[in-house]
Amino acid sequence: MTRQIVRLTAGKVLRSDDLVAGEKETAAGILRANPTFGNPHVVRCDWCRETRTLFRDENDGPFKLTPHGWRCEPCNSRASSQEIKF
């Protein structure tokens, strides 16, 4: 549940959406309390345009984590990623 809160807030920060008062600070507090999470990354396949917000230890279809980042399995293409820092 806490990862989902951070994931949703990260998406809003990236899109410059309006945040609820204290929302960014809450997400940053969750990350400080759980340093093993790391910062979320927006992962995007340049071929099929599929996008997900993932943490460094997550796989979420269609993306599979490799030693060098994520790979879009259906396209067999390396996915680009952008780290979101709070």
N, C-alpha and C. Protein backbone atom coordinates (compact mmCIF):
# COMPACT_ATOMS: atom_id res chain seq x y z
N MET A 1 0.82 -1.20 0.00
CA MET A 1 0.00 0.00 0.00
C MET A 1 0.86 1.26 0.00
N THR A 2 1.95 1.26 0.78
CA THR A 2 2.78 2.45 0.85
C THR A 2 3.48 2.71 -0.48
N ARG A 3 3.88 1.65 -1.18
CA ARG A 3 4.49 1.84 -2.50
C ARG A 3 3.50 2.45 -3.48
N GLN A 4 2.25 2.06 -3.38
CA GLN A 4 1.23 2.60 -4.28
C GLN A 4 1.02 4.10 -4.03
N ILE A 5 1.06 4.53 -2.78
CA ILE A 5 0.94 5.96 -2.47
C ILE A 5 2.09 6.72 -3.11
N VAL A 6 3.31 6.22 -2.95
CA VAL A 6 4.49 6.88 -3.53
C VAL A 6 4.39 6.86 -5.06
N ARG A 7 3.95 5.75 -5.63
CA ARG A 7 3.82 5.61 -7.09
C ARG A 7 2.84 6.64 -7.66
N LEU A 8 1.70 6.80 -7.00
CA LEU A 8 0.70 7.76 -7.48
C LEU A 8 1.21 9.20 -7.35
N THR A 9 1.87 9.51 -6.25
CA THR A 9 2.41 10.86 -6.06
C THR A 9 3.51 11.14 -7.09
N ALA A 10 4.35 10.15 -7.37
CA ALA A 10 5.42 10.32 -8.36
C ALA A 10 4.84 10.63 -9.73
N GLY A 11 3.76 9.97 -10.09
CA GLY A 11 3.10 10.24 -11.37
C GLY A 11 2.59 11.66 -11.45
N LYS A 12 2.04 12.15 -10.35
CA LYS A 12 1.55 13.53 -10.32
C LYS A 12 2.70 14.53 -10.43
N VAL A 13 3.81 14.25 -9.73
CA VAL A 13 4.98 15.14 -9.78
C VAL A 13 5.52 15.20 -11.20
N LEU A 14 5.62 14.06 -11.86
CA LEU A 14 6.15 14.01 -13.22
C LEU A 14 5.27 14.79 -14.19
N ARG A 15 3.94 14.68 -14.01
CA ARG A 15 3.01 15.36 -14.91
C ARG A 15 2.72 16.80 -14.49
N SER A 16 3.29 17.23 -13.37
CA SER A 16 3.05 18.57 -12.81
C SER A 16 1.58 18.77 -12.45
N ASP A 17 0.91 17.71 -12.05
CA ASP A 17 -0.48 17.81 -11.60
C ASP A 17 -0.52 18.48 -10.24
N ASP A 18 -1.70 18.97 -9.88
CA ASP A 18 -1.89 19.58 -8.57
C ASP A 18 -1.82 18.51 -7.49
N LEU A 19 -1.04 18.77 -6.47
CA LEU A 19 -0.91 17.84 -5.35
C LEU A 19 -1.76 18.32 -4.18
N VAL A 20 -2.29 17.39 -3.43
CA VAL A 20 -3.01 17.71 -2.21
C VAL A 20 -1.98 18.23 -1.21
N ALA A 21 -2.37 19.13 -0.33
CA ALA A 21 -1.44 19.70 0.65
C ALA A 21 -0.74 18.58 1.42
N GLY A 22 0.58 18.61 1.41
CA GLY A 22 1.37 17.65 2.15
C GLY A 22 1.58 16.30 1.46
N GLU A 23 1.04 16.14 0.26
CA GLU A 23 1.13 14.85 -0.43
C GLU A 23 2.58 14.49 -0.79
N LYS A 24 3.31 15.46 -1.28
CA LYS A 24 4.71 15.20 -1.65
C LYS A 24 5.55 14.88 -0.41
N GLU A 25 5.30 15.61 0.67
CA GLU A 25 6.03 15.39 1.92
C GLU A 25 5.71 14.01 2.51
N THR A 26 4.46 13.58 2.38
CA THR A 26 4.06 12.26 2.86
C THR A 26 4.80 11.17 2.10
N ALA A 27 4.85 11.30 0.78
CA ALA A 27 5.55 10.31 -0.05
C ALA A 27 7.04 10.31 0.27
N ALA A 28 7.63 11.49 0.44
CA ALA A 28 9.05 11.58 0.78
C ALA A 28 9.31 10.95 2.14
N GLY A 29 8.40 11.14 3.09
CA GLY A 29 8.53 10.53 4.41
C GLY A 29 8.48 9.01 4.34
N ILE A 30 7.62 8.47 3.49
CA ILE A 30 7.54 7.02 3.30
C ILE A 30 8.86 6.49 2.75
N LEU A 31 9.43 7.22 1.77
CA LEU A 31 10.71 6.78 1.20
C LEU A 31 11.85 6.87 2.21
N ARG A 32 11.84 7.92 3.06
CA ARG A 32 12.87 8.03 4.09
C ARG A 32 12.74 6.90 5.12
N ALA A 33 11.51 6.53 5.46
CA ALA A 33 11.27 5.47 6.43
C ALA A 33 11.58 4.08 5.86
N ASN A 34 11.58 3.97 4.54
CA ASN A 34 11.84 2.68 3.87
C ASN A 34 12.93 2.86 2.82
N PRO A 35 14.18 3.04 3.22
CA PRO A 35 15.25 3.33 2.25
C PRO A 35 15.48 2.20 1.25
N THR A 36 15.03 1.00 1.55
CA THR A 36 15.21 -0.10 0.60
C THR A 36 14.33 0.05 -0.64
N PHE A 37 13.28 0.86 -0.56
CA PHE A 37 12.42 1.10 -1.73
C PHE A 37 13.20 1.78 -2.86
N GLY A 38 14.02 2.76 -2.50
CA GLY A 38 14.67 3.60 -3.52
C GLY A 38 13.63 4.53 -4.13
N ASN A 39 14.03 5.33 -5.10
CA ASN A 39 13.11 6.24 -5.76
C ASN A 39 12.38 5.50 -6.88
N PRO A 40 11.12 5.89 -7.14
CA PRO A 40 10.40 5.25 -8.25
C PRO A 40 10.95 5.72 -9.60
N HIS A 41 10.75 4.91 -10.62
CA HIS A 41 11.18 5.21 -11.99
C HIS A 41 9.96 5.12 -12.91
N VAL A 42 9.86 6.03 -13.84
CA VAL A 42 8.85 5.91 -14.89
C VAL A 42 9.54 5.14 -16.01
N VAL A 43 8.97 3.99 -16.36
CA VAL A 43 9.55 3.10 -17.36
C VAL A 43 8.65 3.15 -18.58
N ARG A 44 9.28 3.33 -19.77
CA ARG A 44 8.49 3.48 -21.00
C ARG A 44 9.17 2.75 -22.14
N CYS A 45 8.37 2.00 -22.89
CA CYS A 45 8.87 1.34 -24.09
C CYS A 45 8.76 2.32 -25.25
N ASP A 46 9.86 2.56 -25.93
CA ASP A 46 9.84 3.51 -27.05
C ASP A 46 9.12 2.94 -28.27
N TRP A 47 8.97 1.63 -28.31
CA TRP A 47 8.33 1.01 -29.47
C TRP A 47 6.80 1.00 -29.32
N CYS A 48 6.28 0.41 -28.24
CA CYS A 48 4.82 0.29 -28.08
C CYS A 48 4.22 1.40 -27.22
N ARG A 49 5.06 2.23 -26.61
CA ARG A 49 4.63 3.38 -25.79
C ARG A 49 3.98 3.00 -24.47
N GLU A 50 4.11 1.75 -24.04
CA GLU A 50 3.59 1.31 -22.74
C GLU A 50 4.39 2.00 -21.64
N THR A 51 3.72 2.44 -20.56
CA THR A 51 4.38 3.16 -19.48
C THR A 51 3.91 2.63 -18.13
N ARG A 52 4.85 2.52 -17.19
CA ARG A 52 4.55 2.13 -15.81
C ARG A 52 5.47 2.89 -14.87
N THR A 53 5.05 3.10 -13.64
CA THR A 53 5.91 3.64 -12.59
C THR A 53 6.29 2.48 -11.70
N LEU A 54 7.60 2.17 -11.65
CA LEU A 54 8.09 1.00 -10.94
C LEU A 54 9.24 1.36 -10.01
N PHE A 55 9.42 0.54 -9.00
CA PHE A 55 10.60 0.64 -8.15
C PHE A 55 11.67 -0.30 -8.69
N ARG A 56 12.91 -0.11 -8.26
CA ARG A 56 14.05 -0.85 -8.80
C ARG A 56 13.97 -2.36 -8.65
N ASP A 57 13.13 -2.85 -7.75
CA ASP A 57 13.04 -4.30 -7.55
C ASP A 57 11.75 -4.89 -8.09
N GLU A 58 11.04 -4.15 -8.97
CA GLU A 58 9.74 -4.60 -9.45
C GLU A 58 9.75 -4.98 -10.93
N ASN A 59 8.98 -6.00 -11.24
CA ASN A 59 8.62 -6.36 -12.61
C ASN A 59 7.12 -6.16 -12.70
N ASP A 60 6.66 -5.56 -13.75
CA ASP A 60 5.22 -5.41 -13.96
C ASP A 60 4.99 -5.49 -15.45
N GLY A 61 4.20 -6.48 -15.87
CA GLY A 61 3.95 -6.69 -17.29
C GLY A 61 3.59 -5.41 -17.99
N PRO A 62 4.21 -5.16 -19.08
CA PRO A 62 5.08 -6.02 -19.90
C PRO A 62 6.57 -5.88 -19.58
N PHE A 63 6.92 -5.17 -18.51
CA PHE A 63 8.33 -4.89 -18.24
C PHE A 63 8.96 -5.92 -17.31
N LYS A 64 10.16 -6.34 -17.66
CA LYS A 64 10.93 -7.28 -16.85
C LYS A 64 12.26 -6.62 -16.52
N LEU A 65 12.60 -6.63 -15.24
CA LEU A 65 13.85 -6.02 -14.78
C LEU A 65 15.04 -6.90 -15.17
N THR A 66 16.06 -6.30 -15.75
CA THR A 66 17.30 -6.98 -16.11
C THR A 66 18.44 -6.28 -15.37
N PRO A 67 19.65 -6.81 -15.40
CA PRO A 67 20.78 -6.13 -14.74
C PRO A 67 21.06 -4.72 -15.30
N HIS A 68 20.58 -4.44 -16.50
CA HIS A 68 20.85 -3.15 -17.14
C HIS A 68 19.61 -2.29 -17.30
N GLY A 69 18.57 -2.54 -16.51
CA GLY A 69 17.33 -1.76 -16.61
C GLY A 69 16.18 -2.67 -16.96
N TRP A 70 15.12 -2.10 -17.52
CA TRP A 70 13.93 -2.88 -17.84
C TRP A 70 13.89 -3.20 -19.33
N ARG A 71 13.22 -4.29 -19.66
CA ARG A 71 13.01 -4.72 -21.03
C ARG A 71 11.52 -4.94 -21.23
N CYS A 72 10.99 -4.44 -22.33
CA CYS A 72 9.60 -4.68 -22.71
C CYS A 72 9.57 -6.05 -23.37
N GLU A 73 8.97 -7.02 -22.72
CA GLU A 73 9.01 -8.39 -23.23
C GLU A 73 8.27 -8.59 -24.55
N PRO A 74 7.07 -8.05 -24.75
CA PRO A 74 6.40 -8.28 -26.04
C PRO A 74 7.18 -7.69 -27.23
N CYS A 75 7.82 -6.54 -27.02
CA CYS A 75 8.56 -5.89 -28.10
C CYS A 75 10.01 -6.36 -28.17
N ASN A 76 10.47 -7.04 -27.11
CA ASN A 76 11.87 -7.44 -26.98
C ASN A 76 12.79 -6.24 -27.17
N SER A 77 12.43 -5.15 -26.51
CA SER A 77 13.14 -3.89 -26.64
C SER A 77 13.49 -3.35 -25.27
N ARG A 78 14.65 -2.69 -25.17
CA ARG A 78 15.04 -2.06 -23.91
C ARG A 78 14.14 -0.87 -23.66
N ALA A 79 13.64 -0.76 -22.42
CA ALA A 79 12.74 0.34 -22.06
C ALA A 79 13.55 1.46 -21.43
N SER A 80 13.18 2.70 -21.71
CA SER A 80 13.85 3.83 -21.08
C SER A 80 13.21 4.07 -19.73
N SER A 81 13.99 4.67 -18.83
CA SER A 81 13.45 4.95 -17.49
C SER A 81 13.95 6.29 -16.99
N GLN A 82 13.14 6.92 -16.17
CA GLN A 82 13.49 8.21 -15.57
C GLN A 82 13.21 8.11 -14.08
N GLU A 83 14.22 8.37 -13.27
CA GLU A 83 14.06 8.33 -11.83
C GLU A 83 13.34 9.59 -11.37
N ILE A 84 12.40 9.43 -10.45
CA ILE A 84 11.66 10.57 -9.90
C ILE A 84 12.14 10.77 -8.47
N LYS A 85 12.70 11.94 -8.20
CA LYS A 85 13.22 12.25 -6.86
C LYS A 85 12.27 13.23 -6.20
N PHE A 86 12.05 13.00 -4.90
CA PHE A 86 11.19 13.90 -4.13
C PHE A 86 12.03 14.89 -3.37
